Amino acid sequence: MALYLGIGCLLLAVFLVAFALVAKPRVTAAGSLALIETSYSAAVAAKPDAVVSPSWLRSIALRLSPAGIASRLQRRLDLAGNPATWTPDRVLAAKGLGLLLGLALGGLLGMGSAGWLVVGLVLGAVFGFFLPDLLLLNAGQKRQEKIRRALPDALDMLTVCVEAGLGFDAAMAQVARNTSGPLAQECARVLQEMQIGKSRNESLRALTLRTTVNELRSFVSALAQAGELGVPIASVLREQAREMRVRRRQRAEEQAQKVPVKILFPLITCLFPAMFVIIIGPGAISIARVLMNL
């Protein structure tokens, strides 16, 4: 009884530490790029009394991670839109905390025998350690999919604004102002980077580094080539918008073609057994009665 009470107190203490880490944010700001990062990731300004994640949790995760993990985590955070209050240090701290929680939970579930205890500890530690990575990867994939879906409509608006007489920068400002979502945030960040001195090509190429959408990369490459060759940007935008609409229709047709294959498995596992019971069940009962009477 005392052992179960001690394990319960340990789990409660770990839960309180996790709640303290998540409840109090830590954000950073640096120079003139602070405004860009703030509008881009919806982060709040850093405060002098900001709570720092425990260094011992980060050190645990760093010792179990390969070299260069901080840069890779920053890359994943960029793809996920730099969620508010999250930095590579906080992700590392969450990995260390997940490791401890997984060990505690696995040890609690595998207390029946020594073999199950070892299996529970290993599985719990692995799951808890990699859970923040999975959540971050999932957030990044969802955000990139939102950008991919919003790109054709944004290009149509950009084309209309440019053909109506606006410059490219003003047209992009209209897209950022009149739309919402990750793509509008990226357009606003590109404009702010141009305002602090970056060239248009540098800002657009930096945009491609923060995304994995191939359509957006091809669009930026087309704009860069048009600027170097002196091609009118309106015609480039028109062709790119038409190509994006064609790709969107092709993706929709591809998803429609996948529906029969995806619906096959739930159909076999859920519907067919019930149909077999309803159709074959009465016959099986009649056959059983005849054989029992014989």
C-alpha atoms as a PDB file:
ATOM      1  CA  MET A   1       0.000   0.000   0.000  1.00  0.00           C
ATOM      2  CA  ALA A   2       2.834   2.398   0.837  1.00  0.00           C
ATOM      3  CA  LEU A   3       4.458   1.647  -2.542  1.00  0.00           C
ATOM      4  CA  TYR A   4       1.289   2.590  -4.473  1.00  0.00           C
ATOM      5  CA  LEU A   5       0.928   5.760  -2.374  1.00  0.00           C
ATOM      6  CA  GLY A   6       4.535   6.768  -3.126  1.00  0.00           C
ATOM      7  CA  ILE A   7       4.073   6.185  -6.876  1.00  0.00           C
ATOM      8  CA  GLY A   8       0.888   8.252  -6.819  1.00  0.00           C
ATOM      9  CA  CYS A   9       2.675  11.140  -5.116  1.00  0.00           C
ATOM     10  CA  LEU A  10       5.484  10.932  -7.684  1.00  0.00           C
ATOM     11  CA  LEU A  11       3.039  11.110 -10.595  1.00  0.00           C
ATOM     12  CA  LEU A  12       1.235  14.059  -8.978  1.00  0.00           C
ATOM     13  CA  ALA A  13       4.521  15.958  -8.554  1.00  0.00           C
ATOM     14  CA  VAL A  14       5.517  15.324 -12.179  1.00  0.00           C
ATOM     15  CA  PHE A  15       2.083  16.497 -13.363  1.00  0.00           C
ATOM     16  CA  LEU A  16       2.399  19.729 -11.356  1.00  0.00           C
ATOM     17  CA  VAL A  17       5.824  20.396 -12.886  1.00  0.00           C
ATOM     18  CA  ALA A  18       4.408  19.829 -16.390  1.00  0.00           C
ATOM     19  CA  PHE A  19       1.501  22.186 -15.704  1.00  0.00           C
ATOM     20  CA  ALA A  20       3.908  24.879 -14.476  1.00  0.00           C
ATOM     21  CA  LEU A  21       5.990  24.550 -17.647  1.00  0.00           C
ATOM     22  CA  VAL A  22       3.044  24.808 -20.008  1.00  0.00           C
ATOM     23  CA  ALA A  23       1.072  27.443 -18.113  1.00  0.00           C
ATOM     24  CA  LYS A  24       3.780  30.113 -18.053  1.00  0.00           C
ATOM     25  CA  PRO A  25       5.097  31.136 -21.460  1.00  0.00           C
ATOM     26  CA  ARG A  26       8.609  32.137 -22.453  1.00  0.00           C
ATOM     27  CA  VAL A  27       9.177  34.132 -25.613  1.00  0.00           C
ATOM     28  CA  THR A  28      12.076  36.073 -27.084  1.00  0.00           C
ATOM     29  CA  ALA A  29      12.515  39.251 -29.089  1.00  0.00           C
ATOM     30  CA  ALA A  30      15.542  40.614 -30.896  1.00  0.00           C
ATOM     31  CA  GLY A  31      15.999  44.022 -32.470  1.00  0.00           C
ATOM     32  CA  SER A  32      13.887  45.160 -35.362  1.00  0.00           C
ATOM     33  CA  LEU A  33      12.900  41.584 -36.267  1.00  0.00           C
ATOM     34  CA  ALA A  34      10.864  41.350 -33.046  1.00  0.00           C
ATOM     35  CA  LEU A  35       7.855  42.973 -34.719  1.00  0.00           C
ATOM     36  CA  ILE A  36       8.030  40.504 -37.600  1.00  0.00           C
ATOM     37  CA  GLU A  37       8.272  37.505 -35.334  1.00  0.00           C
ATOM     38  CA  THR A  38       5.472  38.850 -33.147  1.00  0.00           C
ATOM     39  CA  SER A  39       3.002  39.319 -35.993  1.00  0.00           C
ATOM     40  CA  TYR A  40       4.105  36.094 -37.633  1.00  0.00           C
ATOM     41  CA  SER A  41       3.735  33.755 -34.663  1.00  0.00           C
ATOM     42  CA  ALA A  42       1.268  35.729 -32.504  1.00  0.00           C
ATOM     43  CA  ALA A  43       3.773  35.660 -29.655  1.00  0.00           C
ATOM     44  CA  VAL A  44       3.744  38.112 -26.800  1.00  0.00           C
ATOM     45  CA  ALA A  45       6.656  40.324 -25.918  1.00  0.00           C
ATOM     46  CA  ALA A  46       9.237  38.927 -23.591  1.00  0.00           C
ATOM     47  CA  LYS A  47       9.087  40.002 -19.959  1.00  0.00           C
ATOM     48  CA  PRO A  48      11.920  40.327 -17.467  1.00  0.00           C
ATOM     49  CA  ASP A  49      10.235  37.860 -15.124  1.00  0.00           C
ATOM     50  CA  ALA A  50       9.666  35.220 -17.812  1.00  0.00           C
ATOM     51  CA  VAL A  51       9.934  31.703 -16.422  1.00  0.00           C
ATOM     52  CA  VAL A  52      12.769  29.665 -17.895  1.00  0.00           C
ATOM     53  CA  SER A  53      12.316  25.959 -18.516  1.00  0.00           C
ATOM     54  CA  PRO A  54      14.340  23.816 -16.083  1.00  0.00           C
ATOM     55  CA  SER A  55      17.832  23.307 -17.474  1.00  0.00           C
ATOM     56  CA  TRP A  56      18.071  19.764 -16.131  1.00  0.00           C
ATOM     57  CA  LEU A  57      15.148  18.674 -18.302  1.00  0.00           C
ATOM     58  CA  ARG A  58      16.824  20.196 -21.368  1.00  0.00           C
ATOM     59  CA  SER A  59      20.113  18.536 -20.487  1.00  0.00           C
ATOM     60  CA  ILE A  60      18.411  15.130 -20.283  1.00  0.00           C
ATOM     61  CA  ALA A  61      16.921  15.575 -23.754  1.00  0.00           C
ATOM     62  CA  LEU A  62      20.187  16.917 -25.199  1.00  0.00           C
ATOM     63  CA  ARG A  63      22.161  13.941 -23.958  1.00  0.00           C
ATOM     64  CA  LEU A  64      19.712  11.520 -25.606  1.00  0.00           C
ATOM     65  CA  SER A  65      19.393  13.489 -28.874  1.00  0.00           C
ATOM     66  CA  PRO A  66      21.792  13.627 -31.835  1.00  0.00           C
ATOM     67  CA  ALA A  67      23.965  16.637 -32.546  1.00  0.00           C
ATOM     68  CA  GLY A  68      22.253  19.616 -34.154  1.00  0.00           C
ATOM     69  CA  ILE A  69      18.860  18.870 -32.605  1.00  0.00           C
ATOM     70  CA  ALA A  70      18.272  22.561 -31.789  1.00  0.00           C
ATOM     71  CA  SER A  71      18.495  23.628 -35.438  1.00  0.00           C
ATOM     72  CA  ARG A  72      16.204  20.812 -36.532  1.00  0.00           C
ATOM     73  CA  LEU A  73      13.666  21.747 -33.873  1.00  0.00           C
ATOM     74  CA  GLN A  74      13.796  25.377 -35.004  1.00  0.00           C
ATOM     75  CA  ARG A  75      13.136  24.218 -38.565  1.00  0.00           C
ATOM     76  CA  ARG A  76      10.086  22.244 -37.397  1.00  0.00           C
ATOM     77  CA  LEU A  77       8.877  25.220 -35.392  1.00  0.00           C
ATOM     78  CA  ASP A  78       9.151  27.400 -38.514  1.00  0.00           C
ATOM     79  CA  LEU A  79       7.092  24.890 -40.476  1.00  0.00           C
ATOM     80  CA  ALA A  80       4.508  24.844 -37.676  1.00  0.00           C
ATOM     81  CA  GLY A  81       4.284  28.643 -37.693  1.00  0.00           C
ATOM     82  CA  ASN A  82       6.358  29.224 -34.535  1.00  0.00           C
ATOM     83  CA  PRO A  83       3.562  28.498 -32.031  1.00  0.00           C
ATOM     84  CA  ALA A  84       3.329  31.091 -29.290  1.00  0.00           C
ATOM     85  CA  THR A  85       5.545  30.499 -26.239  1.00  0.00           C
ATOM     86  CA  TRP A  86       7.350  27.563 -27.859  1.00  0.00           C
ATOM     87  CA  THR A  87      11.092  27.592 -28.526  1.00  0.00           C
ATOM     88  CA  PRO A  88      13.604  24.766 -29.122  1.00  0.00           C
ATOM     89  CA  ASP A  89      14.556  24.926 -25.434  1.00  0.00           C
ATOM     90  CA  ARG A  90      10.952  24.431 -24.360  1.00  0.00           C
ATOM     91  CA  VAL A  91      10.533  21.536 -26.777  1.00  0.00           C
ATOM     92  CA  LEU A  92      13.673  19.911 -25.361  1.00  0.00           C
ATOM     93  CA  ALA A  93      12.346  20.441 -21.846  1.00  0.00           C
ATOM     94  CA  ALA A  94       9.042  18.859 -22.896  1.00  0.00           C
ATOM     95  CA  LYS A  95      10.945  15.868 -24.300  1.00  0.00           C
ATOM     96  CA  GLY A  96      12.806  15.427 -21.033  1.00  0.00           C
ATOM     97  CA  LEU A  97       9.597  15.734 -19.050  1.00  0.00           C
ATOM     98  CA  GLY A  98       7.854  13.262 -21.368  1.00  0.00           C
ATOM     99  CA  LEU A  99      10.692  10.816 -20.779  1.00  0.00           C
ATOM    100  CA  LEU A 100      10.217  10.984 -17.015  1.00  0.00           C
ATOM    101  CA  LEU A 101       6.437  10.721 -17.290  1.00  0.00           C
ATOM    102  CA  GLY A 102       6.749   7.750 -19.634  1.00  0.00           C
ATOM    103  CA  LEU A 103       9.129   6.005 -17.261  1.00  0.00           C
ATOM    104  CA  ALA A 104       6.787   6.566 -14.320  1.00  0.00           C
ATOM    105  CA  LEU A 105       3.692   5.412 -16.210  1.00  0.00           C
ATOM    106  CA  GLY A 106       5.450   2.414 -17.762  1.00  0.00           C
ATOM    107  CA  GLY A 107       6.820   1.369 -14.378  1.00  0.00           C
ATOM    108  CA  LEU A 108       3.366   1.673 -12.821  1.00  0.00           C
ATOM    109  CA  LEU A 109       1.717  -0.453 -15.513  1.00  0.00           C
ATOM    110  CA  GLY A 110       4.454  -3.117 -15.518  1.00  0.00           C
ATOM    111  CA  MET A 111       4.722  -3.751 -11.810  1.00  0.00           C
ATOM    112  CA  GLY A 112       3.302  -7.278 -12.157  1.00  0.00           C
ATOM    113  CA  SER A 113       6.574  -8.919 -13.127  1.00  0.00           C
ATOM    114  CA  ALA A 114      10.167  -8.032 -13.879  1.00  0.00           C
ATOM    115  CA  GLY A 115       9.787  -8.696 -17.607  1.00  0.00           C
ATOM    116  CA  TRP A 116       6.704  -6.502 -17.958  1.00  0.00           C
ATOM    117  CA  LEU A 117       8.385  -3.841 -15.842  1.00  0.00           C
ATOM    118  CA  VAL A 118      11.323  -3.615 -18.269  1.00  0.00           C
ATOM    119  CA  VAL A 119       8.988  -3.560 -21.288  1.00  0.00           C
ATOM    120  CA  GLY A 120       6.810  -0.881 -19.705  1.00  0.00           C
ATOM    121  CA  LEU A 121       9.778   1.302 -18.815  1.00  0.00           C
ATOM    122  CA  VAL A 122      11.273   1.069 -22.317  1.00  0.00           C
ATOM    123  CA  LEU A 123       8.013   1.665 -24.181  1.00  0.00           C
ATOM    124  CA  GLY A 124       6.931   4.466 -21.855  1.00  0.00           C
ATOM    125  CA  ALA A 125      10.282   6.228 -22.112  1.00  0.00           C
ATOM    126  CA  VAL A 126      10.369   6.007 -25.921  1.00  0.00           C
ATOM    127  CA  PHE A 127       6.766   7.183 -26.297  1.00  0.00           C
ATOM    128  CA  GLY A 128       7.139  10.063 -23.853  1.00  0.00           C
ATOM    129  CA  PHE A 129      10.445  11.193 -25.356  1.00  0.00           C
ATOM    130  CA  PHE A 130       9.220  11.320 -28.960  1.00  0.00           C
ATOM    131  CA  LEU A 131       5.673  12.557 -28.274  1.00  0.00           C
ATOM    132  CA  PRO A 132       6.611  16.296 -28.544  1.00  0.00           C
ATOM    133  CA  ASP A 133       8.302  15.580 -31.887  1.00  0.00           C
ATOM    134  CA  LEU A 134       5.181  13.882 -33.205  1.00  0.00           C
ATOM    135  CA  LEU A 135       2.943  16.731 -32.072  1.00  0.00           C
ATOM    136  CA  LEU A 136       5.247  19.312 -33.632  1.00  0.00           C
ATOM    137  CA  LEU A 137       5.468  17.358 -36.895  1.00  0.00           C
ATOM    138  CA  ASN A 138       1.690  17.018 -37.035  1.00  0.00           C
ATOM    139  CA  ALA A 139       1.213  20.758 -36.472  1.00  0.00           C
ATOM    140  CA  GLY A 140       3.673  21.531 -39.251  1.00  0.00           C
ATOM    141  CA  GLN A 141       1.979  19.200 -41.718  1.00  0.00           C
ATOM    142  CA  LYS A 142      -1.449  20.690 -40.981  1.00  0.00           C
ATOM    143  CA  ARG A 143      -0.133  24.213 -41.467  1.00  0.00           C
ATOM    144  CA  GLN A 144       1.536  23.362 -44.781  1.00  0.00           C
ATOM    145  CA  GLU A 145      -1.683  21.784 -46.001  1.00  0.00           C
ATOM    146  CA  LYS A 146      -3.575  24.972 -45.139  1.00  0.00           C
ATOM    147  CA  ILE A 147      -1.048  26.992 -47.127  1.00  0.00           C
ATOM    148  CA  ARG A 148      -1.400  24.629 -50.098  1.00  0.00           C
ATOM    149  CA  ARG A 149      -5.189  24.948 -50.078  1.00  0.00           C
ATOM    150  CA  ALA A 150      -5.192  28.742 -49.751  1.00  0.00           C
ATOM    151  CA  LEU A 151      -2.561  29.357 -52.433  1.00  0.00           C
ATOM    152  CA  PRO A 152      -4.803  29.253 -55.571  1.00  0.00           C
ATOM    153  CA  ASP A 153      -7.293  31.777 -54.158  1.00  0.00           C
ATOM    154  CA  ALA A 154      -4.477  34.049 -52.964  1.00  0.00           C
ATOM    155  CA  LEU A 155      -2.881  33.975 -56.411  1.00  0.00           C
ATOM    156  CA  ASP A 156      -6.216  34.841 -58.037  1.00  0.00           C
ATOM    157  CA  MET A 157      -6.554  37.868 -55.751  1.00  0.00           C
ATOM    158  CA  LEU A 158      -2.937  38.822 -56.393  1.00  0.00           C
ATOM    159  CA  THR A 159      -3.472  38.630 -60.147  1.00  0.00           C
ATOM    160  CA  VAL A 160      -6.636  40.725 -60.038  1.00  0.00           C
ATOM    161  CA  CYS A 161      -4.940  43.409 -57.927  1.00  0.00           C
ATOM    162  CA  VAL A 162      -1.882  43.602 -60.201  1.00  0.00           C
ATOM    163  CA  GLU A 163      -3.987  43.741 -63.369  1.00  0.00           C
ATOM    164  CA  ALA A 164      -6.081  46.490 -61.756  1.00  0.00           C
ATOM    165  CA  GLY A 165      -2.981  48.691 -61.533  1.00  0.00           C
ATOM    166  CA  LEU A 166      -1.493  47.972 -58.110  1.00  0.00           C
ATOM    167  CA  GLY A 167       2.165  47.162 -57.648  1.00  0.00           C
ATOM    168  CA  PHE A 168       3.225  43.715 -56.517  1.00  0.00           C
ATOM    169  CA  ASP A 169       3.939  44.849 -52.951  1.00  0.00           C
ATOM    170  CA  ALA A 170       0.585  46.615 -52.656  1.00  0.00           C
ATOM    171  CA  ALA A 171      -1.184  43.579 -54.123  1.00  0.00           C
ATOM    172  CA  MET A 172       0.496  41.323 -51.582  1.00  0.00           C
ATOM    173  CA  ALA A 173      -0.579  43.725 -48.831  1.00  0.00           C
ATOM    174  CA  GLN A 174      -4.167  43.351 -50.030  1.00  0.00           C
ATOM    175  CA  VAL A 175      -3.834  39.572 -49.866  1.00  0.00           C
ATOM    176  CA  ALA A 176      -2.434  39.754 -46.340  1.00  0.00           C
ATOM    177  CA  ARG A 177      -5.164  42.192 -45.265  1.00  0.00           C
ATOM    178  CA  ASN A 178      -8.205  40.522 -46.843  1.00  0.00           C
ATOM    179  CA  THR A 179      -7.404  36.863 -46.174  1.00  0.00           C
ATOM    180  CA  SER A 180      -6.698  34.854 -43.060  1.00  0.00           C
ATOM    181  CA  GLY A 181      -4.671  31.829 -42.196  1.00  0.00           C
ATOM    182  CA  PRO A 182      -1.007  30.824 -42.436  1.00  0.00           C
ATOM    183  CA  LEU A 183      -0.562  32.117 -45.999  1.00  0.00           C
ATOM    184  CA  ALA A 184      -1.753  35.603 -45.013  1.00  0.00           C
ATOM    185  CA  GLN A 185       0.716  35.567 -42.105  1.00  0.00           C
ATOM    186  CA  GLU A 186       3.524  34.586 -44.459  1.00  0.00           C
ATOM    187  CA  CYS A 187       2.620  37.395 -46.877  1.00  0.00           C
ATOM    188  CA  ALA A 188       2.633  39.895 -44.013  1.00  0.00           C
ATOM    189  CA  ARG A 189       6.036  38.663 -42.883  1.00  0.00           C
ATOM    190  CA  VAL A 190       7.436  39.003 -46.421  1.00  0.00           C
ATOM    191  CA  LEU A 191       6.212  42.608 -46.572  1.00  0.00           C
ATOM    192  CA  GLN A 192       7.711  43.438 -43.182  1.00  0.00           C
ATOM    193  CA  GLU A 193      11.045  41.936 -44.175  1.00  0.00           C
ATOM    194  CA  MET A 194      11.057  44.107 -47.289  1.00  0.00           C
ATOM    195  CA  GLN A 195      10.295  47.155 -45.153  1.00  0.00           C
ATOM    196  CA  ILE A 196      13.392  46.609 -42.995  1.00  0.00           C
ATOM    197  CA  GLY A 197      15.694  46.482 -46.006  1.00  0.00           C
ATOM    198  CA  LYS A 198      15.559  43.044 -47.605  1.00  0.00           C
ATOM    199  CA  SER A 199      15.054  42.784 -51.336  1.00  0.00           C
ATOM    200  CA  ARG A 200      11.933  41.198 -52.769  1.00  0.00           C
ATOM    201  CA  ASN A 201      13.756  38.106 -54.006  1.00  0.00           C
ATOM    202  CA  GLU A 202      15.478  37.587 -50.644  1.00  0.00           C
ATOM    203  CA  SER A 203      12.189  37.869 -48.760  1.00  0.00           C
ATOM    204  CA  LEU A 204      10.408  35.497 -51.115  1.00  0.00           C
ATOM    205  CA  ARG A 205      13.221  32.959 -50.991  1.00  0.00           C
ATOM    206  CA  ALA A 206      13.164  33.148 -47.210  1.00  0.00           C
ATOM    207  CA  LEU A 207       9.469  32.318 -47.479  1.00  0.00           C
ATOM    208  CA  THR A 208      10.269  29.106 -49.343  1.00  0.00           C
ATOM    209  CA  LEU A 209      12.627  28.087 -46.534  1.00  0.00           C
ATOM    210  CA  ARG A 210       9.739  28.268 -44.058  1.00  0.00           C
ATOM    211  CA  THR A 211       7.432  26.056 -46.114  1.00  0.00           C
ATOM    212  CA  THR A 212       7.449  22.687 -47.838  1.00  0.00           C
ATOM    213  CA  VAL A 213       4.743  23.487 -50.398  1.00  0.00           C
ATOM    214  CA  ASN A 214       6.151  22.742 -53.858  1.00  0.00           C
ATOM    215  CA  GLU A 215       3.584  24.965 -55.579  1.00  0.00           C
ATOM    216  CA  LEU A 216       4.691  27.959 -53.528  1.00  0.00           C
ATOM    217  CA  ARG A 217       8.339  27.282 -54.323  1.00  0.00           C
ATOM    218  CA  SER A 218       7.635  27.115 -58.055  1.00  0.00           C
ATOM    219  CA  PHE A 219       5.688  30.376 -57.803  1.00  0.00           C
ATOM    220  CA  VAL A 220       8.595  32.130 -56.082  1.00  0.00           C
ATOM    221  CA  SER A 221      11.043  30.753 -58.653  1.00  0.00           C
ATOM    222  CA  ALA A 222       8.846  32.035 -61.482  1.00  0.00           C
ATOM    223  CA  LEU A 223       8.702  35.499 -59.895  1.00  0.00           C
ATOM    224  CA  ALA A 224      12.476  35.570 -59.445  1.00  0.00           C
ATOM    225  CA  GLN A 225      13.083  34.584 -63.079  1.00  0.00           C
ATOM    226  CA  ALA A 226      10.546  37.117 -64.298  1.00  0.00           C
ATOM    227  CA  GLY A 227      12.329  39.879 -62.385  1.00  0.00           C
ATOM    228  CA  GLU A 228      15.720  38.881 -63.797  1.00  0.00           C
ATOM    229  CA  LEU A 229      14.484  38.575 -67.404  1.00  0.00           C
ATOM    230  CA  GLY A 230      12.215  41.617 -67.366  1.00  0.00           C
ATOM    231  CA  VAL A 231       8.996  39.686 -68.057  1.00  0.00           C
ATOM    232  CA  PRO A 232       5.789  41.559 -67.084  1.00  0.00           C
ATOM    233  CA  ILE A 233       4.752  40.314 -63.684  1.00  0.00           C
ATOM    234  CA  ALA A 234       1.031  40.393 -64.531  1.00  0.00           C
ATOM    235  CA  SER A 235       1.403  37.708 -67.206  1.00  0.00           C
ATOM    236  CA  VAL A 236       3.481  35.566 -64.850  1.00  0.00           C
ATOM    237  CA  LEU A 237       0.858  35.842 -62.143  1.00  0.00           C
ATOM    238  CA  ARG A 238      -1.898  34.984 -64.598  1.00  0.00           C
ATOM    239  CA  GLU A 239      -0.132  31.823 -65.753  1.00  0.00           C
ATOM    240  CA  GLN A 240       0.748  30.817 -62.214  1.00  0.00           C
ATOM    241  CA  ALA A 241      -2.839  31.322 -61.021  1.00  0.00           C
ATOM    242  CA  ARG A 242      -4.161  29.182 -63.869  1.00  0.00           C
ATOM    243  CA  GLU A 243      -1.612  26.469 -63.122  1.00  0.00           C
ATOM    244  CA  MET A 244      -2.533  26.502 -59.420  1.00  0.00           C
ATOM    245  CA  ARG A 245      -6.207  26.064 -60.250  1.00  0.00           C
ATOM    246  CA  VAL A 246      -5.368  23.102 -62.479  1.00  0.00           C
ATOM    247  CA  ARG A 247      -3.270  21.536 -59.714  1.00  0.00           C
ATOM    248  CA  ARG A 248      -6.052  22.052 -57.180  1.00  0.00           C
ATOM    249  CA  ARG A 249      -8.526  20.308 -59.479  1.00  0.00           C
ATOM    250  CA  GLN A 250      -6.067  17.461 -59.996  1.00  0.00           C
ATOM    251  CA  ARG A 251      -5.602  17.071 -56.238  1.00  0.00           C
ATOM    252  CA  ALA A 252      -9.373  16.972 -55.773  1.00  0.00           C
ATOM    253  CA  GLU A 253      -9.686  14.289 -58.458  1.00  0.00           C
ATOM    254  CA  GLU A 254      -6.865  12.330 -56.834  1.00  0.00           C
ATOM    255  CA  GLN A 255      -8.574  12.452 -53.462  1.00  0.00           C
ATOM    256  CA  ALA A 256     -11.848  11.354 -55.065  1.00  0.00           C
ATOM    257  CA  GLN A 257     -10.109   8.371 -56.662  1.00  0.00           C
ATOM    258  CA  LYS A 258      -8.746   7.324 -53.255  1.00  0.00           C
ATOM    259  CA  VAL A 259     -12.191   7.209 -51.640  1.00  0.00           C
ATOM    260  CA  PRO A 260     -13.169   3.696 -52.883  1.00  0.00           C
ATOM    261  CA  VAL A 261      -9.907   2.252 -51.569  1.00  0.00           C
ATOM    262  CA  LYS A 262     -10.225   4.008 -48.208  1.00  0.00           C
ATOM    263  CA  ILE A 263     -13.846   2.976 -47.732  1.00  0.00           C
ATOM    264  CA  LEU A 264     -13.078  -0.666 -48.509  1.00  0.00           C
ATOM    265  CA  PHE A 265     -11.486  -1.451 -45.130  1.00  0.00           C
ATOM    266  CA  PRO A 266     -14.284  -0.109 -42.874  1.00  0.00           C
ATOM    267  CA  LEU A 267     -16.778  -1.742 -45.237  1.00  0.00           C
ATOM    268  CA  ILE A 268     -15.139  -5.142 -44.796  1.00  0.00           C
ATOM    269  CA  THR A 269     -14.599  -4.843 -41.041  1.00  0.00           C
ATOM    270  CA  CYS A 270     -17.913  -3.199 -40.046  1.00  0.00           C
ATOM    271  CA  LEU A 271     -20.632  -3.791 -42.633  1.00  0.00           C
ATOM    272  CA  PHE A 272     -19.901  -7.227 -44.062  1.00  0.00           C
ATOM    273  CA  PRO A 273     -19.946  -9.103 -40.708  1.00  0.00           C
ATOM    274  CA  ALA A 274     -23.364  -7.652 -39.881  1.00  0.00           C
ATOM    275  CA  MET A 275     -24.650  -8.552 -43.359  1.00  0.00           C
ATOM    276  CA  PHE A 276     -23.340 -12.102 -42.993  1.00  0.00           C
ATOM    277  CA  VAL A 277     -25.080 -12.461 -39.624  1.00  0.00           C
ATOM    278  CA  ILE A 278     -28.388 -11.177 -41.018  1.00  0.00           C
ATOM    279  CA  ILE A 279     -28.273 -13.162 -44.265  1.00  0.00           C
ATOM    280  CA  ILE A 280     -26.591 -16.397 -43.214  1.00  0.00           C
ATOM    281  CA  GLY A 281     -27.736 -16.425 -39.585  1.00  0.00           C
ATOM    282  CA  PRO A 282     -31.324 -17.734 -40.123  1.00  0.00           C
ATOM    283  CA  GLY A 283     -30.076 -20.400 -42.521  1.00  0.00           C
ATOM    284  CA  ALA A 284     -27.395 -21.483 -40.071  1.00  0.00           C
ATOM    285  CA  ILE A 285     -29.980 -21.737 -37.273  1.00  0.00           C
ATOM    286  CA  SER A 286     -32.282 -23.854 -39.488  1.00  0.00           C
ATOM    287  CA  ILE A 287     -29.422 -26.159 -40.480  1.00  0.00           C
ATOM    288  CA  ALA A 288     -28.416 -26.571 -36.825  1.00  0.00           C
ATOM    289  CA  ARG A 289     -31.974 -27.484 -35.830  1.00  0.00           C
ATOM    290  CA  VAL A 290     -32.245 -30.089 -38.611  1.00  0.00           C
ATOM    291  CA  LEU A 291     -28.914 -31.641 -37.691  1.00  0.00           C
ATOM    292  CA  MET A 292     -29.824 -31.701 -33.995  1.00  0.00           C
ATOM    293  CA  ASN A 293     -33.126 -33.398 -34.740  1.00  0.00           C
ATOM    294  CA  LEU A 294     -31.359 -35.985 -36.898  1.00  0.00           C
END
